Amino acid sequence: MTDLSAFADLVPLDHGLCVLSTMRPDGTVQATVVNAGLLESPFDRRPVVGVVVRSAAAKVGYVRRSPQAAVTFRVSWQWATVEGSVTLVGPDDPQPGIDAERLRLLLREVYVACGGTHDDFDEFDRVMAAERRLALLVTPSRILTNR
């Protein structure tokens, strides 16, 4: 694995906008545009790529079946891709050591890592809970870049 600096440098240049690719059950690739950011894993503090998603999103179902993903940031002719295993953390995907309060804070951490700001984080928390949002965390196993 190479350094994550090329990846980290691109995140703020386009508001964390990137492409998340997952695998459908039939083996085809599903790609979607999301906001992602780099943060510390809540499990071991190693760097992970985080995305906040709806529990009902198709990509979540795909990741539950095949927990691998690729995240590609591109700004002009610069790009970086992180490939790796995925951990889902949310109300429908509980993880050891992550209670409701830690999940609330984790969703904020991912949102901020993606470049998000909010005037009322209490409202943010309410919406995240009502929509059963979760954190999708990609642990890097391969990093590709043109830099």
Protein backbone atom coordinates (compact mmCIF):
# COMPACT_ATOMS: atom_id res chain seq x y z
CA MET A 1 0.00 0.00 0.00
CA THR A 2 1.23 3.49 -0.75
CA ASP A 3 0.77 6.70 1.17
CA LEU A 4 -2.70 8.23 1.54
CA SER A 5 -1.45 11.81 1.06
CA ALA A 6 -2.44 12.00 -2.63
CA PHE A 7 -5.91 10.83 -1.69
CA ALA A 8 -6.16 13.23 1.28
CA ASP A 9 -5.02 16.17 -0.87
CA LEU A 10 -7.89 15.66 -3.34
CA VAL A 11 -10.75 15.42 -0.81
CA PRO A 12 -11.14 19.16 -0.09
CA LEU A 13 -10.64 20.22 -3.72
CA ASP A 14 -14.13 19.10 -4.78
CA HIS A 15 -16.03 18.98 -1.47
CA GLY A 16 -15.32 15.28 -0.99
CA LEU A 17 -17.18 14.41 -4.18
CA CYS A 18 -16.10 11.02 -5.50
CA VAL A 19 -17.27 7.73 -7.01
CA LEU A 20 -17.96 4.73 -4.77
CA SER A 21 -17.92 1.39 -6.58
CA THR A 22 -19.40 -1.79 -5.12
CA MET A 23 -20.24 -5.23 -6.50
CA ARG A 24 -23.77 -6.34 -7.36
CA PRO A 25 -24.76 -9.98 -6.71
CA ASP A 26 -24.48 -10.72 -10.45
CA GLY A 27 -20.82 -9.62 -10.44
CA THR A 28 -21.35 -6.30 -12.22
CA VAL A 29 -20.04 -3.07 -10.75
CA GLN A 30 -22.39 -0.51 -9.23
CA ALA A 31 -20.94 3.01 -9.13
CA THR A 32 -22.46 6.02 -7.42
CA VAL A 33 -21.38 9.58 -6.72
CA VAL A 34 -21.04 10.29 -2.99
CA ASN A 35 -19.19 12.58 -0.61
CA ALA A 36 -16.36 10.85 1.23
CA GLY A 37 -13.54 11.82 3.52
CA LEU A 38 -10.54 10.47 5.34
CA LEU A 39 -10.74 9.88 9.10
CA GLU A 40 -9.50 7.59 11.87
CA SER A 41 -11.21 4.25 12.28
CA PRO A 42 -13.33 4.10 15.45
CA PHE A 43 -11.91 0.61 16.02
CA ASP A 44 -8.13 0.96 15.70
CA ARG A 45 -7.46 4.63 14.75
CA ARG A 46 -5.96 3.66 11.39
CA PRO A 47 -7.04 5.79 8.40
CA VAL A 48 -10.28 4.84 6.66
CA VAL A 49 -12.40 6.44 3.97
CA GLY A 50 -15.84 7.25 5.33
CA VAL A 51 -19.21 7.85 3.70
CA VAL A 52 -22.59 8.52 5.34
CA VAL A 53 -25.36 6.57 3.59
CA ARG A 54 -29.00 5.58 4.03
CA SER A 55 -29.45 2.06 5.41
CA ALA A 56 -31.91 1.34 2.59
CA ALA A 57 -29.50 2.35 -0.22
CA ALA A 58 -28.79 -0.38 -2.80
CA LYS A 59 -25.03 -0.01 -2.24
CA VAL A 60 -25.49 -1.00 1.41
CA GLY A 61 -27.16 -4.26 0.43
CA TYR A 62 -24.38 -4.97 -2.05
CA VAL A 63 -21.70 -4.33 0.58
CA ARG A 64 -23.48 -6.59 3.06
CA ARG A 65 -23.11 -9.41 0.50
CA SER A 66 -19.60 -8.53 -0.66
CA PRO A 67 -17.81 -6.18 1.79
CA GLN A 68 -15.36 -4.62 -0.66
CA ALA A 69 -15.40 -1.22 -2.36
CA ALA A 70 -13.34 1.28 -4.30
CA VAL A 71 -13.50 5.04 -3.79
CA THR A 72 -12.13 7.32 -6.52
CA PHE A 73 -11.53 11.04 -6.18
CA ARG A 74 -10.83 13.04 -9.33
CA VAL A 75 -10.03 16.71 -9.66
CA SER A 76 -9.09 17.80 -13.16
CA TRP A 77 -6.37 15.33 -14.29
CA GLN A 78 -5.44 14.25 -10.78
CA TRP A 79 -7.04 11.16 -9.30
CA ALA A 80 -6.61 8.68 -6.48
CA THR A 81 -8.44 5.44 -5.72
CA VAL A 82 -8.62 3.57 -2.44
CA GLU A 83 -9.70 -0.07 -2.60
CA GLY A 84 -10.42 -2.16 0.46
CA SER A 85 -12.72 -3.96 2.82
CA VAL A 86 -15.86 -2.25 4.08
CA THR A 87 -17.27 -2.07 7.57
CA LEU A 88 -20.83 -0.81 8.00
CA VAL A 89 -21.68 0.89 11.29
CA GLY A 90 -25.28 1.84 11.92
CA PRO A 91 -28.59 0.98 13.54
CA ASP A 92 -29.02 -2.05 11.26
CA ASP A 93 -25.32 -2.91 11.29
CA PRO A 94 -24.19 -2.81 14.93
CA GLN A 95 -20.50 -3.19 15.71
CA PRO A 96 -18.81 -4.07 19.01
CA GLY A 97 -17.92 -0.98 21.01
CA ILE A 98 -20.19 1.33 19.01
CA ASP A 99 -23.29 2.29 21.00
CA ALA A 100 -25.93 4.83 19.92
CA GLU A 101 -23.94 7.76 21.28
CA ARG A 102 -20.71 6.69 19.55
CA LEU A 103 -22.64 6.18 16.30
CA ARG A 104 -24.08 9.69 16.57
CA LEU A 105 -20.59 11.12 16.94
CA LEU A 106 -19.14 8.89 14.22
CA LEU A 107 -21.72 10.11 11.69
CA ARG A 108 -20.70 13.69 12.53
CA GLU A 109 -17.01 12.79 12.16
CA VAL A 110 -17.57 11.26 8.73
CA TYR A 111 -19.72 14.21 7.62
CA VAL A 112 -17.05 16.73 8.67
CA ALA A 113 -14.27 14.63 7.07
CA CYS A 114 -16.24 14.88 3.81
CA GLY A 115 -16.10 18.67 4.10
CA GLY A 116 -19.57 19.06 5.56
CA THR A 117 -20.59 21.87 7.88
CA HIS A 118 -23.85 22.34 9.74
CA ASP A 119 -25.41 25.20 11.68
CA ASP A 120 -27.40 22.87 13.92
CA PHE A 121 -25.80 19.51 14.70
CA ASP A 122 -28.74 18.58 16.94
CA GLU A 123 -30.95 18.74 13.84
CA PHE A 124 -28.30 16.83 11.89
CA ASP A 125 -28.36 14.08 14.55
CA ARG A 126 -32.17 13.93 14.44
CA VAL A 127 -32.22 13.54 10.65
CA MET A 128 -29.46 10.90 10.68
CA ALA A 129 -31.39 8.85 13.26
CA ALA A 130 -34.77 9.29 11.51
CA GLU A 131 -33.28 8.20 8.16
CA ARG A 132 -31.36 5.32 9.80
CA ARG A 133 -28.12 6.58 8.29
CA LEU A 134 -24.93 4.62 8.74
CA ALA A 135 -21.21 5.02 8.29
CA LEU A 136 -19.62 3.05 5.46
CA LEU A 137 -15.90 2.75 6.24
CA VAL A 138 -13.38 1.53 3.67
CA THR A 139 -10.12 0.23 5.12
CA PRO A 140 -7.41 0.77 2.48
CA SER A 141 -5.69 -2.31 1.13
CA ARG A 142 -4.60 -0.76 -2.18
CA ILE A 143 -4.09 2.85 -3.20
CA LEU A 144 -3.76 3.85 -6.84
CA THR A 145 -2.90 7.34 -8.00
CA ASN A 146 -1.59 9.20 -11.01
CA ARG A 147 0.66 11.39 -8.84
